[in-house]
Amino acid sequence: MEGMYLTKNKVGKPNSEIEPYLYFCDEKFNSYGYYDINYVTWWTLKYNGIPINSPNVSSLNINVQWNNIVETMNYNLNSYWKKKLCEKNIFLSDEWIEFAVLTLCRILYTLDNKSIATKIESAKYTIMSIPDDQRSKHRLPIESLNKTYIIPEFFKIKVLGSIVGIEHIVTKE
């Protein structure tokens, strides 16, 4: 679980335009810093937010446009991930491999569909974007855990050494 505590005057603004704030991530409470606030945060809140003991989301007047999402995807691909490619040792970590592949699947989904989906939904979309005859040749590494997971009806994720592949499961009806 993760979260940020923001006052109403900070809603809708990126980190670069606001003062440090309280946030929770990696099972730790962090006082006054910055976390993962960007236009995707505000888009998600604006269109999918569920108020809990707070004003209705529509009353927050969040000003985010689709071009802000495209700018954020551009930053993610051409700045954030470009820098991470120089830090090759981080990709020895199972968590970073999972994070990288699922995030890149999500960026692809977002740009193709002009919508924001979960990372698992985005991974399924990416797999289905690969032509049937190519799927067995192009396995997507997504996580390195010593388990096999079943994603309902469509995919099996299993360990292949230090890289995990997603297999499309063909079911007979």
Protein backbone atom coordinates (compact mmCIF):
# COMPACT_ATOMS: atom_id res chain seq x y z
CA MET A 1 0.00 0.00 0.00
CA GLU A 2 1.15 3.51 -0.71
CA GLY A 3 -0.32 6.95 -0.31
CA MET A 4 0.34 10.65 -0.05
CA TYR A 5 -1.20 13.20 2.30
CA LEU A 6 -1.90 16.38 0.37
CA THR A 7 -3.84 19.47 1.22
CA LYS A 8 -6.52 20.62 -1.21
CA ASN A 9 -4.32 23.41 -2.63
CA LYS A 10 -1.80 20.79 -3.88
CA VAL A 11 -4.34 18.65 -5.73
CA GLY A 12 -3.76 18.52 -9.48
CA LYS A 13 -0.18 19.80 -9.37
CA PRO A 14 3.00 17.82 -10.14
CA ASN A 15 5.79 17.44 -7.58
CA SER A 16 7.74 20.29 -9.21
CA GLU A 17 4.99 22.78 -8.29
CA ILE A 18 4.36 21.85 -4.64
CA GLU A 19 6.12 21.79 -1.29
CA PRO A 20 7.18 18.44 0.24
CA TYR A 21 4.40 16.35 1.80
CA LEU A 22 3.85 13.29 3.98
CA TYR A 23 3.72 9.92 2.21
CA PHE A 24 3.64 6.19 2.89
CA CYS A 25 5.49 3.59 0.79
CA ASP A 26 7.55 0.42 1.21
CA GLU A 27 5.86 -0.12 4.59
CA LYS A 28 7.31 3.17 5.90
CA PHE A 29 5.82 6.53 6.78
CA ASN A 30 7.95 9.33 5.34
CA SER A 31 7.64 12.83 6.66
CA TYR A 32 8.07 15.62 4.20
CA GLY A 33 9.46 14.52 0.91
CA TYR A 34 8.25 13.65 -2.57
CA TYR A 35 6.70 10.49 -3.92
CA ASP A 36 5.08 9.42 -7.17
CA ILE A 37 2.79 12.30 -8.02
CA ASN A 38 2.38 13.08 -11.70
CA TYR A 39 -0.42 13.71 -14.17
CA VAL A 40 -1.34 10.01 -14.20
CA THR A 41 -2.07 10.37 -10.47
CA TRP A 42 -4.45 13.25 -11.14
CA TRP A 43 -6.07 11.61 -14.19
CA THR A 44 -6.74 8.48 -12.16
CA LEU A 45 -8.17 10.48 -9.26
CA LYS A 46 -10.30 12.64 -11.56
CA TYR A 47 -11.85 9.73 -13.47
CA ASN A 48 -11.68 6.86 -10.94
CA GLY A 49 -11.44 8.50 -7.54
CA ILE A 50 -13.71 7.29 -4.77
CA PRO A 51 -14.08 9.79 -1.93
CA ILE A 52 -13.77 8.42 1.59
CA ASN A 53 -14.68 10.95 4.23
CA SER A 54 -13.77 13.74 1.81
CA PRO A 55 -15.38 16.03 -0.77
CA ASN A 56 -16.68 14.58 -4.03
CA VAL A 57 -13.83 14.28 -6.53
CA SER A 58 -15.66 16.51 -9.03
CA SER A 59 -15.51 19.39 -6.53
CA LEU A 60 -11.70 19.32 -6.64
CA ASN A 61 -11.63 20.82 -10.16
CA ILE A 62 -8.63 18.77 -11.23
CA ASN A 63 -7.29 20.27 -14.45
CA VAL A 64 -5.57 17.45 -16.33
CA GLN A 65 -5.76 16.88 -20.08
CA TRP A 66 -4.75 13.89 -22.17
CA ASN A 67 -1.70 15.77 -23.50
CA ASN A 68 -0.45 15.88 -19.86
CA ILE A 69 -0.60 12.07 -19.81
CA VAL A 70 1.34 11.86 -23.10
CA GLU A 71 3.97 14.23 -21.64
CA THR A 72 4.24 11.99 -18.58
CA MET A 73 4.66 8.87 -20.77
CA ASN A 74 7.33 10.73 -22.77
CA TYR A 75 9.17 11.60 -19.56
CA ASN A 76 8.91 7.99 -18.34
CA LEU A 77 10.32 6.55 -21.56
CA ASN A 78 12.90 9.16 -22.53
CA SER A 79 14.15 10.33 -19.14
CA TYR A 80 13.31 7.96 -16.28
CA TRP A 81 13.87 4.65 -18.10
CA LYS A 82 16.77 6.00 -20.15
CA LYS A 83 18.61 6.78 -16.89
CA LYS A 84 17.70 3.38 -15.43
CA LEU A 85 19.27 1.63 -18.44
CA CYS A 86 22.61 3.05 -17.32
CA GLU A 87 22.16 1.41 -13.92
CA LYS A 88 22.47 -2.13 -15.23
CA ASN A 89 22.91 -3.69 -11.78
CA ILE A 90 19.37 -2.83 -10.76
CA PHE A 91 18.11 -5.27 -13.37
CA LEU A 92 19.70 -8.11 -11.43
CA SER A 93 16.88 -7.58 -8.96
CA ASP A 94 13.67 -9.55 -9.53
CA GLU A 95 11.61 -6.61 -8.31
CA TRP A 96 13.17 -4.24 -10.86
CA ILE A 97 12.63 -6.66 -13.73
CA GLU A 98 8.97 -6.99 -12.76
CA PHE A 99 8.57 -3.24 -12.28
CA ALA A 100 10.27 -2.40 -15.59
CA VAL A 101 8.35 -4.81 -17.79
CA LEU A 102 4.95 -4.15 -16.25
CA THR A 103 5.51 -0.40 -16.38
CA LEU A 104 6.53 -0.54 -20.04
CA CYS A 105 3.45 -2.66 -20.80
CA ARG A 106 1.35 -0.02 -19.07
CA ILE A 107 2.94 2.78 -21.10
CA LEU A 108 2.22 0.87 -24.33
CA TYR A 109 -1.40 0.29 -23.27
CA THR A 110 -1.85 3.93 -22.29
CA LEU A 111 -0.51 5.31 -25.56
CA ASP A 112 -2.37 2.77 -27.73
CA ASN A 113 -5.73 3.06 -25.97
CA LYS A 114 -5.78 6.60 -24.55
CA SER A 115 -6.75 5.04 -21.26
CA ILE A 116 -5.01 3.98 -18.06
CA ALA A 117 -5.26 0.36 -16.96
CA THR A 118 -3.69 -1.76 -14.24
CA LYS A 119 -0.28 -3.23 -14.88
CA ILE A 120 -1.72 -6.76 -15.12
CA GLU A 121 -4.40 -5.63 -17.61
CA SER A 122 -1.67 -3.87 -19.57
CA ALA A 123 0.51 -7.01 -19.59
CA LYS A 124 -2.43 -9.04 -20.93
CA TYR A 125 -3.00 -6.40 -23.62
CA THR A 126 0.69 -6.49 -24.59
CA ILE A 127 0.66 -10.26 -24.86
CA MET A 128 -2.47 -10.21 -26.98
CA SER A 129 -0.81 -7.59 -29.23
CA ILE A 130 1.80 -10.17 -30.22
CA PRO A 131 0.61 -12.24 -33.19
CA ASP A 132 -0.37 -15.80 -32.20
CA ASP A 133 2.43 -17.40 -34.21
CA GLN A 134 5.03 -15.19 -32.49
CA ARG A 135 3.96 -15.51 -28.84
CA SER A 136 6.07 -18.56 -28.06
CA LYS A 137 9.13 -16.76 -29.45
CA HIS A 138 8.59 -13.55 -27.49
CA ARG A 139 8.05 -14.33 -23.85
CA LEU A 140 7.70 -11.29 -21.63
CA PRO A 141 9.74 -11.31 -18.46
CA ILE A 142 7.55 -9.88 -15.74
CA GLU A 143 8.51 -11.22 -12.39
CA SER A 144 11.10 -13.39 -10.76
CA LEU A 145 9.42 -15.21 -7.95
CA ASN A 146 9.74 -18.89 -7.27
CA LYS A 147 6.06 -19.57 -7.88
CA THR A 148 3.62 -20.15 -10.67
CA TYR A 149 0.66 -17.80 -10.82
CA ILE A 150 -2.59 -18.27 -12.66
CA ILE A 151 -4.13 -15.15 -14.11
CA PRO A 152 -7.77 -16.00 -14.74
CA GLU A 153 -8.42 -17.96 -17.93
CA PHE A 154 -5.70 -16.55 -20.13
CA PHE A 155 -2.16 -16.61 -18.83
CA LYS A 156 0.25 -18.59 -16.75
CA ILE A 157 3.31 -16.91 -15.34
CA LYS A 158 6.14 -19.23 -14.48
CA VAL A 159 9.77 -19.07 -13.51
CA LEU A 160 12.35 -19.64 -16.24
CA GLY A 161 15.60 -19.40 -14.33
CA SER A 162 16.04 -15.77 -13.30
CA ILE A 163 13.57 -14.58 -15.92
CA VAL A 164 9.91 -15.33 -15.86
CA GLY A 165 7.77 -15.70 -18.92
CA ILE A 166 4.11 -15.21 -19.53
CA GLU A 167 2.53 -17.97 -21.52
CA HIS A 168 -0.79 -17.71 -23.25
CA ILE A 169 -2.94 -20.64 -22.19
CA VAL A 170 -5.15 -22.03 -24.91
CA THR A 171 -8.29 -23.40 -23.37
CA LYS A 172 -10.76 -25.64 -25.14
CA GLU A 173 -14.39 -24.85 -24.64
